[in-house]
């Protein structure tokens, strides 16, 4: 029965591979978004951009809120 199942499901092998790859990518992205070092870099980059005059204080606040909301959303999923 194992050989028959393998032969019948063989055309689905590429699909299983793509699904597996997507799961690995999603897990890696979730880890990166929740990484405290990455969050800190994003917040520091926003602060540096405001200090350099590239963005306004309001835009910096929006970026901070977005980063923190994303971090909070990732924590809720866990």
N, C-alpha and C. Protein backbone atom coordinates (compact mmCIF):
# COMPACT_ATOMS: atom_id res chain seq x y z
N UNK A 1 0.83 -1.19 0.00
CA UNK A 1 0.00 0.00 0.00
C UNK A 1 0.86 1.25 0.00
N UNK A 2 2.05 1.21 0.60
CA UNK A 2 2.93 2.37 0.66
C UNK A 2 3.39 2.80 -0.72
N UNK A 3 3.72 1.84 -1.57
CA UNK A 3 4.16 2.16 -2.92
C UNK A 3 3.04 2.78 -3.73
N UNK A 4 1.85 2.24 -3.61
CA UNK A 4 0.70 2.78 -4.33
C UNK A 4 0.39 4.21 -3.88
N UNK A 5 0.43 4.44 -2.57
CA UNK A 5 0.17 5.78 -2.04
C UNK A 5 1.23 6.77 -2.56
N UNK A 6 2.48 6.33 -2.59
CA UNK A 6 3.56 7.19 -3.09
C UNK A 6 3.34 7.55 -4.55
N UNK A 7 2.97 6.58 -5.34
CA UNK A 7 2.74 6.82 -6.77
C UNK A 7 1.56 7.76 -6.99
N UNK A 8 0.49 7.56 -6.24
CA UNK A 8 -0.71 8.38 -6.40
C UNK A 8 -0.47 9.81 -5.94
N UNK A 9 0.28 9.98 -4.86
CA UNK A 9 0.48 11.33 -4.31
C UNK A 9 1.72 12.02 -4.87
N UNK A 10 2.48 11.37 -5.73
CA UNK A 10 3.68 11.96 -6.30
C UNK A 10 3.43 13.30 -7.00
N UNK A 11 2.34 13.46 -7.76
CA UNK A 11 2.12 14.76 -8.39
C UNK A 11 1.92 15.91 -7.38
N UNK A 12 1.59 15.58 -6.13
CA UNK A 12 1.39 16.61 -5.12
C UNK A 12 2.70 17.01 -4.41
N UNK A 13 3.79 16.32 -4.70
CA UNK A 13 5.06 16.58 -4.02
C UNK A 13 5.52 18.04 -4.18
N UNK A 14 5.45 18.63 -5.36
CA UNK A 14 5.87 20.04 -5.46
C UNK A 14 5.00 20.96 -4.60
N UNK A 15 3.73 20.68 -4.53
CA UNK A 15 2.84 21.49 -3.71
C UNK A 15 3.20 21.37 -2.24
N UNK A 16 3.48 20.16 -1.79
CA UNK A 16 3.90 19.97 -0.39
C UNK A 16 5.20 20.71 -0.12
N UNK A 17 6.10 20.72 -1.08
CA UNK A 17 7.36 21.45 -0.94
C UNK A 17 7.15 22.94 -0.82
N UNK A 18 6.26 23.49 -1.63
CA UNK A 18 5.96 24.92 -1.58
C UNK A 18 5.31 25.28 -0.24
N UNK A 19 4.39 24.45 0.21
CA UNK A 19 3.73 24.70 1.50
C UNK A 19 4.75 24.67 2.63
N UNK A 20 5.64 23.71 2.59
CA UNK A 20 6.67 23.60 3.62
C UNK A 20 7.58 24.83 3.60
N UNK A 21 7.97 25.27 2.42
CA UNK A 21 8.80 26.47 2.30
C UNK A 21 8.08 27.70 2.82
N UNK A 22 6.80 27.83 2.52
CA UNK A 22 6.02 28.97 3.00
C UNK A 22 5.94 28.97 4.53
N UNK A 23 5.82 27.81 5.12
CA UNK A 23 5.78 27.72 6.59
C UNK A 23 7.11 28.15 7.20
N UNK A 24 8.21 27.76 6.58
CA UNK A 24 9.53 28.15 7.07
C UNK A 24 9.71 29.66 6.95
N UNK A 25 9.30 30.23 5.83
CA UNK A 25 9.42 31.68 5.62
C UNK A 25 8.57 32.43 6.63
N UNK A 26 7.35 31.98 6.84
CA UNK A 26 6.46 32.65 7.80
C UNK A 26 7.05 32.61 9.20
N UNK A 27 7.56 31.46 9.59
CA UNK A 27 8.16 31.34 10.92
C UNK A 27 9.35 32.29 11.07
N UNK A 28 10.18 32.40 10.03
CA UNK A 28 11.35 33.29 10.08
C UNK A 28 10.93 34.75 10.14
N UNK A 29 9.92 35.14 9.38
CA UNK A 29 9.43 36.52 9.40
C UNK A 29 8.86 36.84 10.77
N UNK A 30 8.09 35.94 11.34
CA UNK A 30 7.54 36.16 12.68
C UNK A 30 8.64 36.34 13.71
N UNK A 31 9.69 35.53 13.60
CA UNK A 31 10.82 35.66 14.53
C UNK A 31 11.50 37.02 14.37
N UNK A 32 11.68 37.44 13.13
CA UNK A 32 12.34 38.72 12.87
C UNK A 32 11.51 39.90 13.37
N UNK A 33 10.20 39.83 13.17
CA UNK A 33 9.34 40.92 13.62
C UNK A 33 9.29 41.02 15.13
N UNK A 34 9.43 39.90 15.82
CA UNK A 34 9.36 39.89 17.27
C UNK A 34 10.73 40.05 17.93
N UNK A 35 11.78 40.08 17.12
CA UNK A 35 13.14 40.19 17.65
C UNK A 35 13.34 41.56 18.28
N UNK A 36 13.65 41.63 19.57
CA UNK A 36 13.84 42.93 20.23
C UNK A 36 14.93 43.78 19.58
N UNK A 37 15.97 43.15 19.07
CA UNK A 37 17.03 43.91 18.42
C UNK A 37 16.53 44.58 17.13
N UNK A 38 15.70 43.86 16.38
CA UNK A 38 15.15 44.44 15.14
C UNK A 38 14.21 45.59 15.46
N UNK A 39 13.40 45.44 16.50
CA UNK A 39 12.48 46.50 16.90
C UNK A 39 13.28 47.72 17.33
N UNK A 40 14.31 47.49 18.09
CA UNK A 40 15.16 48.60 18.55
C UNK A 40 15.80 49.33 17.37
N UNK A 41 16.30 48.57 16.38
CA UNK A 41 16.91 49.19 15.19
C UNK A 41 15.91 50.05 14.44
N UNK A 42 14.67 49.57 14.32
CA UNK A 42 13.65 50.35 13.61
C UNK A 42 13.33 51.64 14.35
N UNK A 43 13.22 51.55 15.66
CA UNK A 43 12.93 52.75 16.46
C UNK A 43 14.10 53.72 16.42
N UNK A 44 15.32 53.21 16.49
CA UNK A 44 16.50 54.08 16.41
C UNK A 44 16.62 54.72 15.03
N UNK A 45 16.29 53.99 13.98
CA UNK A 45 16.35 54.55 12.62
C UNK A 45 15.34 55.68 12.47
N UNK A 46 14.16 55.51 13.05
CA UNK A 46 13.15 56.58 12.99
C UNK A 46 13.64 57.81 13.74
N UNK A 47 14.25 57.61 14.89
CA UNK A 47 14.76 58.73 15.68
C UNK A 47 15.88 59.46 14.92
N UNK A 48 16.79 58.70 14.32
CA UNK A 48 17.88 59.30 13.56
C UNK A 48 17.34 60.08 12.35
N UNK A 49 16.32 59.54 11.69
CA UNK A 49 15.73 60.24 10.54
C UNK A 49 15.10 61.56 10.97
N UNK A 50 14.44 61.56 12.14
CA UNK A 50 13.85 62.80 12.63
C UNK A 50 14.94 63.80 12.98
N UNK A 51 15.99 63.35 13.64
CA UNK A 51 17.09 64.24 14.01
C UNK A 51 17.78 64.82 12.79
N UNK A 52 17.83 64.05 11.71
CA UNK A 52 18.46 64.51 10.47
C UNK A 52 17.51 65.39 9.65
N UNK A 53 16.27 65.52 10.09
CA UNK A 53 15.30 66.34 9.39
C UNK A 53 14.64 65.65 8.22
N UNK A 54 14.81 64.36 8.11
CA UNK A 54 14.22 63.61 7.00
C UNK A 54 12.73 63.37 7.20
N UNK A 55 12.31 63.26 8.46
CA UNK A 55 10.89 63.08 8.78
C UNK A 55 10.53 64.01 9.92
N UNK A 56 9.24 64.27 10.08
CA UNK A 56 8.78 65.13 11.16
C UNK A 56 8.59 64.32 12.44
N UNK A 57 8.38 65.03 13.53
CA UNK A 57 8.14 64.36 14.82
C UNK A 57 6.86 63.53 14.76
N UNK A 58 5.86 64.02 14.03
CA UNK A 58 4.60 63.27 13.90
C UNK A 58 4.82 61.96 13.14
N UNK A 59 5.64 62.03 12.09
CA UNK A 59 5.93 60.82 11.32
C UNK A 59 6.71 59.82 12.17
N UNK A 60 7.62 60.33 13.00
CA UNK A 60 8.37 59.45 13.89
C UNK A 60 7.42 58.76 14.86
N UNK A 61 6.47 59.51 15.39
CA UNK A 61 5.49 58.94 16.32
C UNK A 61 4.66 57.86 15.63
N UNK A 62 4.26 58.11 14.39
CA UNK A 62 3.49 57.12 13.64
C UNK A 62 4.30 55.83 13.43
N UNK A 63 5.59 56.00 13.11
CA UNK A 63 6.45 54.84 12.91
C UNK A 63 6.57 54.06 14.21
N UNK A 64 6.78 54.77 15.31
CA UNK A 64 6.89 54.11 16.61
C UNK A 64 5.62 53.32 16.93
N UNK A 65 4.48 53.95 16.71
CA UNK A 65 3.22 53.28 17.01
C UNK A 65 3.04 52.04 16.14
N UNK A 66 3.39 52.17 14.86
CA UNK A 66 3.25 51.03 13.94
C UNK A 66 4.14 49.87 14.39
N UNK A 67 5.38 50.16 14.74
CA UNK A 67 6.32 49.12 15.17
C UNK A 67 5.81 48.44 16.44
N UNK A 68 5.35 49.24 17.39
CA UNK A 68 4.88 48.68 18.65
C UNK A 68 3.57 47.90 18.48
N UNK A 69 2.69 48.36 17.58
CA UNK A 69 1.47 47.61 17.31
C UNK A 69 1.79 46.26 16.69
N UNK A 70 2.73 46.26 15.75
CA UNK A 70 3.13 45.02 15.11
C UNK A 70 3.74 44.07 16.13
N UNK A 71 4.55 44.61 17.05
CA UNK A 71 5.14 43.79 18.10
C UNK A 71 4.04 43.22 19.00
N UNK A 72 3.05 44.04 19.35
CA UNK A 72 1.94 43.58 20.17
C UNK A 72 1.11 42.51 19.48
N UNK A 73 0.91 42.66 18.17
CA UNK A 73 0.16 41.66 17.40
C UNK A 73 0.90 40.33 17.39
N UNK A 74 2.21 40.38 17.27
CA UNK A 74 2.99 39.14 17.27
C UNK A 74 2.93 38.47 18.64
N UNK A 75 2.91 39.24 19.70
CA UNK A 75 2.84 38.66 21.04
C UNK A 75 1.48 37.98 21.27
N UNK A 76 0.41 38.55 20.73
CA UNK A 76 -0.92 37.98 20.90
C UNK A 76 -1.04 36.64 20.17
N UNK A 77 -0.34 36.50 19.03
CA UNK A 77 -0.40 35.27 18.25
C UNK A 77 0.28 34.11 18.94
N UNK A 78 1.19 34.39 19.83
CA UNK A 78 1.97 33.33 20.49
C UNK A 78 1.21 32.71 21.59
